[in-house]
Amino acid sequence: MKKLISPFMGLLLAACAATPPAEPGEALTGYSQVLLTVHGMSCPLCSNNIDGRLKKVPGIENVQINLETGEVTATFNTELPPTRKQIETAIKESGFTLNNMELLP
């Protein structure tokens, strides 16, 4: 029985050691950037819209957009980090769909 349990315990412990995703209302403390994958961006007007909305989120200082890959990198003040919900709302209000959010140190 021990032989069956051991591999699974290792996976369980590894999963527990990983940083859990931030809750929607929690500030993204401990991070300084977020990499977003946004669906639907296709032109400079799209990127200007997203850039403007994200820069209105408290704490976000810089936004870089790559239209070819659909990726947006937002850098924020570590002393005033935004919440996941604020970023999601900014993308939604821009008229786009947020496919993925990856937190970066």
PDB file of N, CA and C in Angstrom:
ATOM      1  N   MET A   1       0.813  -1.193   0.000  1.00  0.00           N
ATOM      2  CA  MET A   1       0.000   0.000   0.000  1.00  0.00           C
ATOM      3  C   MET A   1       0.865   1.270   0.000  1.00  0.00           C
ATOM      4  N   LYS A   2       1.989   1.247   0.681  1.00  0.00           N
ATOM      5  CA  LYS A   2       2.863   2.406   0.750  1.00  0.00           C
ATOM      6  C   LYS A   2       3.384   2.802  -0.622  1.00  0.00           C
ATOM      7  N   LYS A   3       3.609   1.819  -1.493  1.00  0.00           N
ATOM      8  CA  LYS A   3       4.136   2.112  -2.817  1.00  0.00           C
ATOM      9  C   LYS A   3       3.150   2.942  -3.639  1.00  0.00           C
ATOM     10  N   LEU A   4       1.868   2.766  -3.430  1.00  0.00           N
ATOM     11  CA  LEU A   4       0.862   3.528  -4.163  1.00  0.00           C
ATOM     12  C   LEU A   4       0.697   4.934  -3.605  1.00  0.00           C
ATOM     13  N   ILE A   5       0.855   5.084  -2.335  1.00  0.00           N
ATOM     14  CA  ILE A   5       0.629   6.379  -1.691  1.00  0.00           C
ATOM     15  C   ILE A   5       1.806   7.324  -1.905  1.00  0.00           C
ATOM     16  N   SER A   6       3.019   6.861  -1.850  1.00  0.00           N
ATOM     17  CA  SER A   6       4.208   7.715  -1.911  1.00  0.00           C
ATOM     18  C   SER A   6       4.257   8.643  -3.128  1.00  0.00           C
ATOM     19  N   PRO A   7       4.056   8.159  -4.370  1.00  0.00           N
ATOM     20  CA  PRO A   7       4.106   9.080  -5.509  1.00  0.00           C
ATOM     21  C   PRO A   7       3.034  10.160  -5.446  1.00  0.00           C
ATOM     22  N   PHE A   8       1.880   9.783  -4.947  1.00  0.00           N
ATOM     23  CA  PHE A   8       0.799  10.757  -4.861  1.00  0.00           C
ATOM     24  C   PHE A   8       1.056  11.805  -3.789  1.00  0.00           C
ATOM     25  N   MET A   9       1.698  11.400  -2.703  1.00  0.00           N
ATOM     26  CA  MET A   9       2.033  12.355  -1.646  1.00  0.00           C
ATOM     27  C   MET A   9       3.032  13.384  -2.153  1.00  0.00           C
ATOM     28  N   GLY A  10       3.992  12.936  -2.965  1.00  0.00           N
ATOM     29  CA  GLY A  10       4.961  13.867  -3.540  1.00  0.00           C
ATOM     30  C   GLY A  10       4.292  14.906  -4.409  1.00  0.00           C
ATOM     31  N   LEU A  11       3.330  14.475  -5.220  1.00  0.00           N
ATOM     32  CA  LEU A  11       2.588  15.415  -6.070  1.00  0.00           C
ATOM     33  C   LEU A  11       1.760  16.377  -5.233  1.00  0.00           C
ATOM     34  N   LEU A  12       1.142  15.850  -4.194  1.00  0.00           N
ATOM     35  CA  LEU A  12       0.331  16.686  -3.326  1.00  0.00           C
ATOM     36  C   LEU A  12       1.181  17.735  -2.626  1.00  0.00           C
ATOM     37  N   LEU A  13       2.318  17.337  -2.106  1.00  0.00           N
ATOM     38  CA  LEU A  13       3.211  18.286  -1.432  1.00  0.00           C
ATOM     39  C   LEU A  13       3.747  19.336  -2.394  1.00  0.00           C
ATOM     40  N   ALA A  14       4.064  18.936  -3.613  1.00  0.00           N
ATOM     41  CA  ALA A  14       4.552  19.893  -4.612  1.00  0.00           C
ATOM     42  C   ALA A  14       3.469  20.899  -4.959  1.00  0.00           C
ATOM     43  N   ALA A  15       2.244  20.442  -5.065  1.00  0.00           N
ATOM     44  CA  ALA A  15       1.133  21.346  -5.384  1.00  0.00           C
ATOM     45  C   ALA A  15       0.891  22.327  -4.248  1.00  0.00           C
ATOM     46  N   CYS A  16       1.030  21.869  -3.024  1.00  0.00           N
ATOM     47  CA  CYS A  16       0.815  22.745  -1.872  1.00  0.00           C
ATOM     48  C   CYS A  16       1.914  23.788  -1.747  1.00  0.00           C
ATOM     49  N   ALA A  17       3.122  23.458  -2.172  1.00  0.00           N
ATOM     50  CA  ALA A  17       4.252  24.374  -2.067  1.00  0.00           C
ATOM     51  C   ALA A  17       4.178  25.490  -3.101  1.00  0.00           C
ATOM     52  N   ALA A  18       3.444  25.285  -4.199  1.00  0.00           N
ATOM     53  CA  ALA A  18       3.318  26.312  -5.237  1.00  0.00           C
ATOM     54  C   ALA A  18       2.549  27.504  -4.685  1.00  0.00           C
ATOM     55  N   THR A  19       2.848  28.687  -5.184  1.00  0.00           N
ATOM     56  CA  THR A  19       2.160  29.886  -4.750  1.00  0.00           C
ATOM     57  C   THR A  19       0.717  29.848  -5.217  1.00  0.00           C
ATOM     58  N   PRO A  20      -0.227  29.948  -4.306  1.00  0.00           N
ATOM     59  CA  PRO A  20      -1.630  29.904  -4.719  1.00  0.00           C
ATOM     60  C   PRO A  20      -1.995  31.180  -5.473  1.00  0.00           C
ATOM     61  N   PRO A  21      -2.947  31.094  -6.404  1.00  0.00           N
ATOM     62  CA  PRO A  21      -3.354  32.297  -7.121  1.00  0.00           C
ATOM     63  C   PRO A  21      -4.036  33.266  -6.158  1.00  0.00           C
ATOM     64  N   ALA A  22      -3.864  34.536  -6.415  1.00  0.00           N
ATOM     65  CA  ALA A  22      -4.496  35.546  -5.575  1.00  0.00           C
ATOM     66  C   ALA A  22      -5.996  35.516  -5.771  1.00  0.00           C
ATOM     67  N   GLU A  23      -6.710  35.761  -4.698  1.00  0.00           N
ATOM     68  CA  GLU A  23      -8.165  35.861  -4.788  1.00  0.00           C
ATOM     69  C   GLU A  23      -8.513  37.133  -5.540  1.00  0.00           C
ATOM     70  N   PRO A  24      -9.701  37.194  -6.167  1.00  0.00           N
ATOM     71  CA  PRO A  24     -10.062  38.355  -6.980  1.00  0.00           C
ATOM     72  C   PRO A  24      -9.943  39.699  -6.268  1.00  0.00           C
ATOM     73  N   GLY A  25     -10.252  39.763  -4.963  1.00  0.00           N
ATOM     74  CA  GLY A  25     -10.222  41.029  -4.249  1.00  0.00           C
ATOM     75  C   GLY A  25      -8.908  41.319  -3.550  1.00  0.00           C
ATOM     76  N   GLU A  26      -7.980  40.355  -3.549  1.00  0.00           N
ATOM     77  CA  GLU A  26      -6.701  40.540  -2.872  1.00  0.00           C
ATOM     78  C   GLU A  26      -5.733  41.337  -3.730  1.00  0.00           C
ATOM     79  N   ALA A  27      -4.982  42.218  -3.082  1.00  0.00           N
ATOM     80  CA  ALA A  27      -3.919  42.937  -3.788  1.00  0.00           C
ATOM     81  C   ALA A  27      -2.850  41.935  -4.198  1.00  0.00           C
ATOM     82  N   LEU A  28      -2.242  42.154  -5.341  1.00  0.00           N
ATOM     83  CA  LEU A  28      -1.226  41.249  -5.874  1.00  0.00           C
ATOM     84  C   LEU A  28       0.122  41.503  -5.200  1.00  0.00           C
ATOM     85  N   THR A  29       0.140  41.403  -3.892  1.00  0.00           N
ATOM     86  CA  THR A  29       1.328  41.644  -3.078  1.00  0.00           C
ATOM     87  C   THR A  29       2.397  40.606  -3.393  1.00  0.00           C
ATOM     88  N   GLY A  30       3.640  41.057  -3.488  1.00  0.00           N
ATOM     89  CA  GLY A  30       4.752  40.161  -3.747  1.00  0.00           C
ATOM     90  C   GLY A  30       5.093  40.047  -5.226  1.00  0.00           C
ATOM     91  N   TYR A  31       4.362  40.748  -6.048  1.00  0.00           N
ATOM     92  CA  TYR A  31       4.599  40.737  -7.490  1.00  0.00           C
ATOM     93  C   TYR A  31       4.796  42.169  -7.970  1.00  0.00           C
ATOM     94  N   SER A  32       5.392  42.303  -9.167  1.00  0.00           N
ATOM     95  CA  SER A  32       5.585  43.645  -9.721  1.00  0.00           C
ATOM     96  C   SER A  32       5.052  43.758 -11.140  1.00  0.00           C
ATOM     97  N   GLN A  33       4.717  42.608 -11.736  1.00  0.00           N
ATOM     98  CA  GLN A  33       4.197  42.615 -13.105  1.00  0.00           C
ATOM     99  C   GLN A  33       3.138  41.537 -13.261  1.00  0.00           C
ATOM    100  N   VAL A  34       2.325  41.746 -14.271  1.00  0.00           N
ATOM    101  CA  VAL A  34       1.343  40.746 -14.640  1.00  0.00           C
ATOM    102  C   VAL A  34       1.378  40.609 -16.158  1.00  0.00           C
ATOM    103  N   LEU A  35       1.381  39.374 -16.637  1.00  0.00           N
ATOM    104  CA  LEU A  35       1.360  39.096 -18.070  1.00  0.00           C
ATOM    105  C   LEU A  35      -0.048  38.619 -18.411  1.00  0.00           C
ATOM    106  N   LEU A  36      -0.706  39.348 -19.278  1.00  0.00           N
ATOM    107  CA  LEU A  36      -2.087  39.051 -19.651  1.00  0.00           C
ATOM    108  C   LEU A  36      -2.137  38.550 -21.087  1.00  0.00           C
ATOM    109  N   THR A  37      -2.961  37.576 -21.336  1.00  0.00           N
ATOM    110  CA  THR A  37      -3.246  37.150 -22.695  1.00  0.00           C
ATOM    111  C   THR A  37      -4.658  37.625 -22.983  1.00  0.00           C
ATOM    112  N   VAL A  38      -4.777  38.520 -23.965  1.00  0.00           N
ATOM    113  CA  VAL A  38      -6.055  39.170 -24.265  1.00  0.00           C
ATOM    114  C   VAL A  38      -6.514  38.762 -25.655  1.00  0.00           C
ATOM    115  N   HIS A  39      -7.762  38.345 -25.750  1.00  0.00           N
ATOM    116  CA  HIS A  39      -8.333  37.925 -27.032  1.00  0.00           C
ATOM    117  C   HIS A  39      -9.026  39.111 -27.708  1.00  0.00           C
ATOM    118  N   GLY A  40      -8.743  39.283 -28.983  1.00  0.00           N
ATOM    119  CA  GLY A  40      -9.470  40.273 -29.763  1.00  0.00           C
ATOM    120  C   GLY A  40      -8.697  41.521 -30.135  1.00  0.00           C
ATOM    121  N   MET A  41      -7.489  41.699 -29.620  1.00  0.00           N
ATOM    122  CA  MET A  41      -6.699  42.883 -29.978  1.00  0.00           C
ATOM    123  C   MET A  41      -6.172  42.702 -31.402  1.00  0.00           C
ATOM    124  N   SER A  42      -6.370  43.717 -32.241  1.00  0.00           N
ATOM    125  CA  SER A  42      -5.897  43.562 -33.622  1.00  0.00           C
ATOM    126  C   SER A  42      -5.315  44.833 -34.232  1.00  0.00           C
ATOM    127  N   CYS A  43      -5.424  45.965 -33.535  1.00  0.00           N
ATOM    128  CA  CYS A  43      -4.965  47.216 -34.147  1.00  0.00           C
ATOM    129  C   CYS A  43      -4.467  48.183 -33.074  1.00  0.00           C
ATOM    130  N   PRO A  44      -3.813  49.271 -33.489  1.00  0.00           N
ATOM    131  CA  PRO A  44      -3.333  50.262 -32.524  1.00  0.00           C
ATOM    132  C   PRO A  44      -4.457  50.884 -31.685  1.00  0.00           C
ATOM    133  N   LEU A  45      -5.640  51.024 -32.250  1.00  0.00           N
ATOM    134  CA  LEU A  45      -6.762  51.566 -31.487  1.00  0.00           C
ATOM    135  C   LEU A  45      -7.114  50.631 -30.322  1.00  0.00           C
ATOM    136  N   CYS A  46      -7.072  49.325 -30.600  1.00  0.00           N
ATOM    137  CA  CYS A  46      -7.315  48.327 -29.552  1.00  0.00           C
ATOM    138  C   CYS A  46      -6.297  48.485 -28.424  1.00  0.00           C
ATOM    139  N   SER A  47      -5.033  48.561 -28.799  1.00  0.00           N
ATOM    140  CA  SER A  47      -3.984  48.658 -27.785  1.00  0.00           C
ATOM    141  C   SER A  47      -4.075  49.973 -27.010  1.00  0.00           C
ATOM    142  N   ASN A  48      -4.432  51.057 -27.678  1.00  0.00           N
ATOM    143  CA  ASN A  48      -4.591  52.341 -26.982  1.00  0.00           C
ATOM    144  C   ASN A  48      -5.720  52.267 -25.957  1.00  0.00           C
ATOM    145  N   ASN A  49      -6.798  51.580 -26.320  1.00  0.00           N
ATOM    146  CA  ASN A  49      -7.939  51.434 -25.423  1.00  0.00           C
ATOM    147  C   ASN A  49      -7.533  50.654 -24.173  1.00  0.00           C
ATOM    148  N   ILE A  50      -6.861  49.522 -24.366  1.00  0.00           N
ATOM    149  CA  ILE A  50      -6.425  48.691 -23.237  1.00  0.00           C
ATOM    150  C   ILE A  50      -5.397  49.444 -22.394  1.00  0.00           C
ATOM    151  N   ASP A  51      -4.445  50.098 -23.049  1.00  0.00           N
ATOM    152  CA  ASP A  51      -3.420  50.870 -22.352  1.00  0.00           C
ATOM    153  C   ASP A  51      -4.064  51.921 -21.448  1.00  0.00           C
ATOM    154  N   GLY A  52      -5.000  52.663 -21.980  1.00  0.00           N
ATOM    155  CA  GLY A  52      -5.663  53.716 -21.212  1.00  0.00           C
ATOM    156  C   GLY A  52      -6.436  53.184 -20.025  1.00  0.00           C
ATOM    157  N   ARG A  53      -7.158  52.082 -20.228  1.00  0.00           N
ATOM    158  CA  ARG A  53      -7.946  51.491 -19.134  1.00  0.00           C
ATOM    159  C   ARG A  53      -7.046  50.944 -18.032  1.00  0.00           C
ATOM    160  N   LEU A  54      -5.991  50.234 -18.424  1.00  0.00           N
ATOM    161  CA  LEU A  54      -5.098  49.661 -17.413  1.00  0.00           C
ATOM    162  C   LEU A  54      -4.362  50.734 -16.628  1.00  0.00           C
ATOM    163  N   LYS A  55      -3.986  51.821 -17.292  1.00  0.00           N
ATOM    164  CA  LYS A  55      -3.261  52.887 -16.585  1.00  0.00           C
ATOM    165  C   LYS A  55      -4.157  53.643 -15.600  1.00  0.00           C
ATOM    166  N   LYS A  56      -5.466  53.459 -15.690  1.00  0.00           N
ATOM    167  CA  LYS A  56      -6.391  54.052 -14.714  1.00  0.00           C
ATOM    168  C   LYS A  56      -6.497  53.206 -13.444  1.00  0.00           C
ATOM    169  N   VAL A  57      -6.010  51.964 -13.511  1.00  0.00           N
ATOM    170  CA  VAL A  57      -6.033  51.087 -12.333  1.00  0.00           C
ATOM    171  C   VAL A  57      -4.974  51.588 -11.355  1.00  0.00           C
ATOM    172  N   PRO A  58      -5.360  51.856 -10.101  1.00  0.00           N
ATOM    173  CA  PRO A  58      -4.384  52.349  -9.123  1.00  0.00           C
ATOM    174  C   PRO A  58      -3.185  51.416  -8.999  1.00  0.00           C
ATOM    175  N   GLY A  59      -1.995  51.999  -9.087  1.00  0.00           N
ATOM    176  CA  GLY A  59      -0.767  51.239  -8.931  1.00  0.00           C
ATOM    177  C   GLY A  59      -0.091  50.862 -10.239  1.00  0.00           C
ATOM    178  N   ILE A  60      -0.843  50.741 -11.336  1.00  0.00           N
ATOM    179  CA  ILE A  60      -0.228  50.359 -12.606  1.00  0.00           C
ATOM    180  C   ILE A  60       0.528  51.557 -13.168  1.00  0.00           C
ATOM    181  N   GLU A  61       1.806  51.338 -13.449  1.00  0.00           N
ATOM    182  CA  GLU A  61       2.691  52.419 -13.891  1.00  0.00           C
ATOM    183  C   GLU A  61       3.065  52.335 -15.369  1.00  0.00           C
ATOM    184  N   ASN A  62       3.131  51.114 -15.908  1.00  0.00           N
ATOM    185  CA  ASN A  62       3.573  50.946 -17.287  1.00  0.00           C
ATOM    186  C   ASN A  62       2.816  49.788 -17.928  1.00  0.00           C
ATOM    187  N   VAL A  63       2.511  49.941 -19.216  1.00  0.00           N
ATOM    188  CA  VAL A  63       1.808  48.899 -19.962  1.00  0.00           C
ATOM    189  C   VAL A  63       2.529  48.706 -21.288  1.00  0.00           C
ATOM    190  N   GLN A  64       2.850  47.459 -21.609  1.00  0.00           N
ATOM    191  CA  GLN A  64       3.454  47.116 -22.896  1.00  0.00           C
ATOM    192  C   GLN A  64       2.535  46.116 -23.582  1.00  0.00           C
ATOM    193  N   ILE A  65       2.226  46.376 -24.857  1.00  0.00           N
ATOM    194  CA  ILE A  65       1.281  45.542 -25.592  1.00  0.00           C
ATOM    195  C   ILE A  65       1.924  45.001 -26.862  1.00  0.00           C
ATOM    196  N   ASN A  66       1.748  43.712 -27.081  1.00  0.00           N
ATOM    197  CA  ASN A  66       2.222  43.060 -28.293  1.00  0.00           C
ATOM    198  C   ASN A  66       0.994  42.549 -29.048  1.00  0.00           C
ATOM    199  N   LEU A  67       0.623  43.242 -30.122  1.00  0.00           N
ATOM    200  CA  LEU A  67      -0.562  42.862 -30.894  1.00  0.00           C
ATOM    201  C   LEU A  67      -0.400  41.509 -31.574  1.00  0.00           C
ATOM    202  N   GLU A  68       0.820  41.173 -31.978  1.00  0.00           N
ATOM    203  CA  GLU A  68       1.046  39.903 -32.671  1.00  0.00           C
ATOM    204  C   GLU A  68       0.765  38.697 -31.786  1.00  0.00           C
ATOM    205  N   THR A  69       1.168  38.780 -30.518  1.00  0.00           N
ATOM    206  CA  THR A  69       0.986  37.648 -29.612  1.00  0.00           C
ATOM    207  C   THR A  69      -0.277  37.774 -28.761  1.00  0.00           C
ATOM    208  N   GLY A  70      -0.858  38.967 -28.717  1.00  0.00           N
ATOM    209  CA  GLY A  70      -2.032  39.190 -27.880  1.00  0.00           C
ATOM    210  C   GLY A  70      -1.683  39.290 -26.407  1.00  0.00           C
ATOM    211  N   GLU A  71      -0.421  39.635 -26.123  1.00  0.00           N
ATOM    212  CA  GLU A  71       0.021  39.716 -24.736  1.00  0.00           C
ATOM    213  C   GLU A  71       0.177  41.163 -24.273  1.00  0.00           C
ATOM    214  N   VAL A  72      -0.183  41.368 -23.027  1.00  0.00           N
ATOM    215  CA  VAL A  72      -0.072  42.673 -22.384  1.00  0.00           C
ATOM    216  C   VAL A  72       0.711  42.473 -21.094  1.00  0.00           C
ATOM    217  N   THR A  73       1.763  43.265 -20.910  1.00  0.00           N
ATOM    218  CA  THR A  73       2.525  43.223 -19.665  1.00  0.00           C
ATOM    219  C   THR A  73       2.283  44.541 -18.939  1.00  0.00           C
ATOM    220  N   ALA A  74       1.787  44.435 -17.721  1.00  0.00           N
ATOM    221  CA  ALA A  74       1.552  45.623 -16.905  1.00  0.00           C
ATOM    222  C   ALA A  74       2.486  45.577 -15.706  1.00  0.00           C
ATOM    223  N   THR A  75       3.217  46.662 -15.505  1.00  0.00           N
ATOM    224  CA  THR A  75       4.120  46.796 -14.366  1.00  0.00           C
ATOM    225  C   THR A  75       3.431  47.696 -13.350  1.00  0.00           C
ATOM    226  N   PHE A  76       3.487  47.281 -12.085  1.00  0.00           N
ATOM    227  CA  PHE A  76       2.802  48.091 -11.075  1.00  0.00           C
ATOM    228  C   PHE A  76       3.691  48.347  -9.872  1.00  0.00           C
ATOM    229  N   ASN A  77       3.312  49.354  -9.129  1.00  0.00           N
ATOM    230  CA  ASN A  77       4.003  49.772  -7.916  1.00  0.00           C
ATOM    231  C   ASN A  77       3.807  48.695  -6.857  1.00  0.00           C
ATOM    232  N   THR A  78       4.893  48.132  -6.344  1.00  0.00           N
ATOM    233  CA  THR A  78       4.787  47.060  -5.354  1.00  0.00           C
ATOM    234  C   THR A  78       4.239  47.557  -4.012  1.00  0.00           C
ATOM    235  N   GLU A  79       4.288  48.863  -3.791  1.00  0.00           N
ATOM    236  CA  GLU A  79       3.729  49.412  -2.556  1.00  0.00           C
ATOM    237  C   GLU A  79       2.228  49.664  -2.679  1.00  0.00           C
ATOM    238  N   LEU A  80       1.726  49.690  -3.909  1.00  0.00           N
ATOM    239  CA  LEU A  80       0.299  49.884  -4.150  1.00  0.00           C
ATOM    240  C   LEU A  80      -0.149  48.928  -5.267  1.00  0.00           C
ATOM    241  N   PRO A  81      -0.076  47.613  -5.002  1.00  0.00           N
ATOM    242  CA  PRO A  81      -0.419  46.671  -6.063  1.00  0.00           C
ATOM    243  C   PRO A  81      -1.922  46.628  -6.322  1.00  0.00           C
ATOM    244  N   PRO A  82      -2.307  46.453  -7.584  1.00  0.00           N
ATOM    245  CA  PRO A  82      -3.724  46.332  -7.905  1.00  0.00           C
ATOM    246  C   PRO A  82      -4.248  44.958  -7.485  1.00  0.00           C
ATOM    247  N   THR A  83      -5.538  44.762  -7.628  1.00  0.00           N
ATOM    248  CA  THR A  83      -6.127  43.448  -7.385  1.00  0.00           C
ATOM    249  C   THR A  83      -6.359  42.767  -8.734  1.00  0.00           C
ATOM    250  N   ARG A  84      -6.512  41.462  -8.674  1.00  0.00           N
ATOM    251  CA  ARG A  84      -6.832  40.688  -9.875  1.00  0.00           C
ATOM    252  C   ARG A  84      -8.145  41.208 -10.478  1.00  0.00           C
ATOM    253  N   LYS A  85      -9.102  41.497  -9.629  1.00  0.00           N
ATOM    254  CA  LYS A  85     -10.418  41.961 -10.090  1.00  0.00           C
ATOM    255  C   LYS A  85     -10.312  43.301 -10.818  1.00  0.00           C
ATOM    256  N   GLN A  86      -9.481  44.222 -10.327  1.00  0.00           N
ATOM    257  CA  GLN A  86      -9.314  45.520 -10.983  1.00  0.00           C
ATOM    258  C   GLN A  86      -8.763  45.347 -12.396  1.00  0.00           C
ATOM    259  N   ILE A  87      -7.817  44.438 -12.557  1.00  0.00           N
ATOM    260  CA  ILE A  87      -7.222  44.202 -13.873  1.00  0.00           C
ATOM    261  C   ILE A  87      -8.226  43.538 -14.796  1.00  0.00           C
ATOM    262  N   GLU A  88      -8.929  42.531 -14.294  1.00  0.00           N
ATOM    263  CA  GLU A  88      -9.952  41.855 -15.098  1.00  0.00           C
ATOM    264  C   GLU A  88     -11.028  42.841 -15.559  1.00  0.00           C
ATOM    265  N   THR A  89     -11.456  43.713 -14.666  1.00  0.00           N
ATOM    266  CA  THR A  89     -12.490  44.703 -14.985  1.00  0.00           C
ATOM    267  C   THR A  89     -12.002  45.674 -16.046  1.00  0.00           C
ATOM    268  N   ALA A  90     -10.750  46.119 -15.946  1.00  0.00           N
ATOM    269  CA  ALA A  90     -10.200  47.053 -16.934  1.00  0.00           C
ATOM    270  C   ALA A  90     -10.202  46.430 -18.334  1.00  0.00           C
ATOM    271  N   ILE A  91      -9.818  45.159 -18.428  1.00  0.00           N
ATOM    272  CA  ILE A  91      -9.808  44.491 -19.731  1.00  0.00           C
ATOM    273  C   ILE A  91     -11.232  44.334 -20.253  1.00  0.00           C
ATOM    274  N   LYS A  92     -12.137  43.922 -19.384  1.00  0.00           N
ATOM    275  CA  LYS A  92     -13.540  43.739 -19.788  1.00  0.00           C
ATOM    276  C   LYS A  92     -14.157  45.059 -20.241  1.00  0.00           C
ATOM    277  N   GLU A  93     -13.885  46.141 -19.512  1.00  0.00           N
ATOM    278  CA  GLU A  93     -14.432  47.453 -19.875  1.00  0.00           C
ATOM    279  C   GLU A  93     -13.821  47.986 -21.166  1.00  0.00           C
ATOM    280  N   SER A  94     -12.664  47.450 -21.544  1.00  0.00           N
ATOM    281  CA  SER A  94     -12.039  47.826 -22.818  1.00  0.00           C
ATOM    282  C   SER A  94     -12.740  47.150 -23.983  1.00  0.00           C
ATOM    283  N   GLY A  95     -13.571  46.146 -23.679  1.00  0.00           N
ATOM    284  CA  GLY A  95     -14.286  45.422 -24.715  1.00  0.00           C
ATOM    285  C   GLY A  95     -13.588  44.158 -25.188  1.00  0.00           C
ATOM    286  N   PHE A  96     -12.652  43.658 -24.381  1.00  0.00           N
ATOM    287  CA  PHE A  96     -11.886  42.477 -24.767  1.00  0.00           C
ATOM    288  C   PHE A  96     -12.060  41.372 -23.739  1.00  0.00           C
ATOM    289  N   THR A  97     -11.571  40.193 -24.097  1.00  0.00           N
ATOM    290  CA  THR A  97     -11.668  39.024 -23.230  1.00  0.00           C
ATOM    291  C   THR A  97     -10.294  38.676 -22.695  1.00  0.00           C
ATOM    292  N   LEU A  98     -10.196  38.527 -21.383  1.00  0.00           N
ATOM    293  CA  LEU A  98      -8.952  38.126 -20.740  1.00  0.00           C
ATOM    294  C   LEU A  98      -8.908  36.609 -20.722  1.00  0.00           C
ATOM    295  N   ASN A  99      -7.926  36.030 -21.433  1.00  0.00           N
ATOM    296  CA  ASN A  99      -7.795  34.577 -21.492  1.00  0.00           C
ATOM    297  C   ASN A  99      -6.928  34.022 -20.376  1.00  0.00           C
ATOM    298  N   ASN A 100      -5.894  34.773 -19.978  1.00  0.00           N
ATOM    299  CA  ASN A 100      -4.970  34.265 -18.967  1.00  0.00           C
ATOM    300  C   ASN A 100      -4.286  35.423 -18.252  1.00  0.00           C
ATOM    301  N   MET A 101      -3.978  35.198 -16.977  1.00  0.00           N
ATOM    302  CA  MET A 101      -3.251  36.181 -16.178  1.00  0.00           C
ATOM    303  C   MET A 101      -2.143  35.450 -15.435  1.00  0.00           C
ATOM    304  N   GLU A 102      -0.902  35.848 -15.705  1.00  0.00           N
ATOM    305  CA  GLU A 102       0.258  35.239 -15.056  1.00  0.00           C
ATOM    306  C   GLU A 102       0.969  36.304 -14.237  1.00  0.00           C
ATOM    307  N   LEU A 103       1.155  36.031 -12.951  1.00  0.00           N
ATOM    308  CA  LEU A 103       1.838  36.980 -12.074  1.00  0.00           C
ATOM    309  C   LEU A 103       3.332  36.776 -12.165  1.00  0.00           C
ATOM    310  N   LEU A 104       4.076  37.887 -12.237  1.00  0.00           N
ATOM    311  CA  LEU A 104       5.535  37.838 -12.382  1.00  0.00           C
ATOM    312  C   LEU A 104       6.176  38.600 -11.232  1.00  0.00           C
ATOM    313  N   PRO A 105       7.348  38.124 -10.766  1.00  0.00           N
ATOM    314  CA  PRO A 105       8.024  38.809  -9.646  1.00  0.00           C
ATOM    315  C   PRO A 105       8.509  40.188 -10.024  1.00  0.00           C
TER     316      PRO A 105
END
